[in-house]
């Protein structure tokens, strides 16, 4: 199976080989998407998927806690099943094999077998 990019082992400073601590934050306090524990980026801009959420579960930007809008699409225009509005399949979506990877070699978090995302990080 594939290692969690945020999991152990951690060094004496509390960071793993990918530079993240057990909370998924780097040494500067930012997560993989560039947001800190207050959902702010390095420039102080709020994460567009951050709370508060209304009674329907959507924030002021129209996204739920999973990053999907009211129509069920994420910021990249894909739904939960990995299809865009025109019915084209995302290269990162299901189905996933027994090893956790899809036919394109990506897991459900968008990482390949070597632990890199589509941009090589």
Protein backbone atom coordinates (compact mmCIF):
# COMPACT_ATOMS: atom_id res chain seq x y z
CA UNK A 1 0.00 0.00 0.00
CA UNK A 2 0.89 3.61 -0.31
CA UNK A 3 2.21 5.63 2.60
CA UNK A 4 0.20 8.56 3.89
CA UNK A 5 2.21 11.69 2.94
CA UNK A 6 1.51 13.09 6.42
CA UNK A 7 2.18 9.94 8.44
CA UNK A 8 5.15 8.72 10.45
CA UNK A 9 7.98 8.25 10.92
CA UNK A 10 8.65 11.74 12.26
CA UNK A 11 12.08 13.17 13.02
CA UNK A 12 13.10 14.73 16.35
CA UNK A 13 11.47 17.99 15.25
CA UNK A 14 8.16 16.24 14.56
CA UNK A 15 8.27 16.24 10.75
CA UNK A 16 8.26 13.33 8.32
CA UNK A 17 10.35 12.93 5.15
CA UNK A 18 7.73 14.93 3.20
CA UNK A 19 8.12 17.86 5.59
CA UNK A 20 4.75 17.53 7.34
CA UNK A 21 3.89 17.02 11.00
CA UNK A 22 1.13 14.79 12.37
CA UNK A 23 -1.37 17.60 11.81
CA UNK A 24 -0.48 17.81 8.10
CA UNK A 25 1.36 21.12 8.43
CA UNK A 26 4.82 22.04 7.18
CA UNK A 27 7.45 23.78 9.38
CA UNK A 28 5.90 27.15 8.49
CA UNK A 29 2.47 25.94 9.63
CA UNK A 30 0.86 25.49 6.21
CA UNK A 31 -0.92 22.43 4.81
CA UNK A 32 -0.39 20.89 1.36
CA UNK A 33 -2.81 23.40 -0.16
CA UNK A 34 -0.96 26.36 1.39
CA UNK A 35 -3.36 27.19 4.23
CA UNK A 36 -2.62 27.48 7.94
CA UNK A 37 -4.79 26.27 10.84
CA UNK A 38 -6.86 29.45 10.52
CA UNK A 39 -7.56 28.67 6.82
CA UNK A 40 -5.42 31.60 5.67
CA UNK A 41 -2.75 31.44 2.98
CA UNK A 42 0.69 33.06 3.20
CA UNK A 43 -0.86 36.35 1.99
CA UNK A 44 -3.66 36.25 4.58
CA UNK A 45 -6.36 35.25 2.10
CA UNK A 46 -9.07 32.93 3.39
CA UNK A 47 -9.37 29.41 1.99
CA UNK A 48 -12.41 29.48 -0.33
CA UNK A 49 -13.64 26.18 1.19
CA UNK A 50 -13.37 27.26 4.83
CA UNK A 51 -16.25 27.55 7.31
CA UNK A 52 -18.61 28.97 8.42
CA UNK A 53 -21.19 26.86 6.61
CA UNK A 54 -24.90 27.63 6.39
CA UNK A 55 -27.69 25.25 7.42
CA UNK A 56 -27.40 23.56 4.02
CA UNK A 57 -23.69 22.94 4.58
CA UNK A 58 -22.26 25.55 2.19
CA UNK A 59 -20.03 28.53 2.95
CA UNK A 60 -20.27 32.07 1.57
CA UNK A 61 -18.41 30.99 -1.57
CA UNK A 62 -20.94 28.23 -2.22
CA UNK A 63 -18.67 25.28 -1.31
CA UNK A 64 -19.21 22.50 1.22
CA UNK A 65 -16.53 21.15 3.58
CA UNK A 66 -15.46 18.65 0.92
CA UNK A 67 -14.89 21.40 -1.69
CA UNK A 68 -17.99 20.77 -3.80
CA UNK A 69 -20.39 23.49 -4.92
CA UNK A 70 -24.20 23.35 -4.81
CA UNK A 71 -24.22 21.61 -8.20
CA UNK A 72 -21.83 18.94 -6.86
CA UNK A 73 -18.68 20.04 -8.67
CA UNK A 74 -15.25 20.85 -7.20
CA UNK A 75 -13.03 23.82 -8.09
CA UNK A 76 -11.67 21.90 -11.06
CA UNK A 77 -15.19 21.21 -12.36
CA UNK A 78 -15.39 17.51 -11.44
CA UNK A 79 -18.16 15.82 -9.47
CA UNK A 80 -17.76 13.21 -6.72
CA UNK A 81 -17.63 10.42 -9.31
CA UNK A 82 -14.85 12.16 -11.24
CA UNK A 83 -16.82 13.50 -14.20
CA UNK A 84 -16.88 17.08 -15.47
CA UNK A 85 -20.02 18.91 -16.61
CA UNK A 86 -19.59 17.45 -20.12
CA UNK A 87 -19.28 13.90 -18.82
CA UNK A 88 -15.50 13.61 -19.26
CA UNK A 89 -13.70 11.59 -16.60
CA UNK A 90 -10.95 13.05 -14.39
CA UNK A 91 -7.64 11.16 -14.53
CA UNK A 92 -7.62 11.05 -10.70
CA UNK A 93 -11.04 9.52 -10.06
CA UNK A 94 -12.36 6.03 -9.36
CA UNK A 95 -12.48 3.16 -9.86
CA UNK A 96 -9.44 2.27 -7.76
CA UNK A 97 -7.84 -1.17 -7.80
CA UNK A 98 -7.00 -3.33 -4.82
CA UNK A 99 -3.70 -1.47 -4.54
CA UNK A 100 -5.58 1.84 -4.20
CA UNK A 101 -4.65 3.24 -7.61
CA UNK A 102 -6.79 3.88 -10.68
CA UNK A 103 -5.97 2.99 -14.29
CA UNK A 104 -3.96 6.21 -14.61
CA UNK A 105 -1.83 5.35 -11.58
CA UNK A 106 -3.33 7.85 -9.11
CA UNK A 107 -4.82 7.20 -5.66
CA UNK A 108 -7.90 8.90 -4.23
CA UNK A 109 -5.77 11.82 -2.99
CA UNK A 110 -4.28 12.43 -6.45
CA UNK A 111 -0.85 10.96 -5.71
CA UNK A 112 0.95 8.49 -7.97
CA UNK A 113 2.74 5.35 -6.80
CA UNK A 114 5.88 7.35 -6.05
CA UNK A 115 3.94 9.79 -3.86
CA UNK A 116 3.84 12.71 -6.30
CA UNK A 117 0.84 14.69 -7.49
CA UNK A 118 0.18 15.66 -11.11
CA UNK A 119 2.52 18.63 -10.73
CA UNK A 120 5.39 16.50 -9.45
CA UNK A 121 5.15 17.44 -5.77
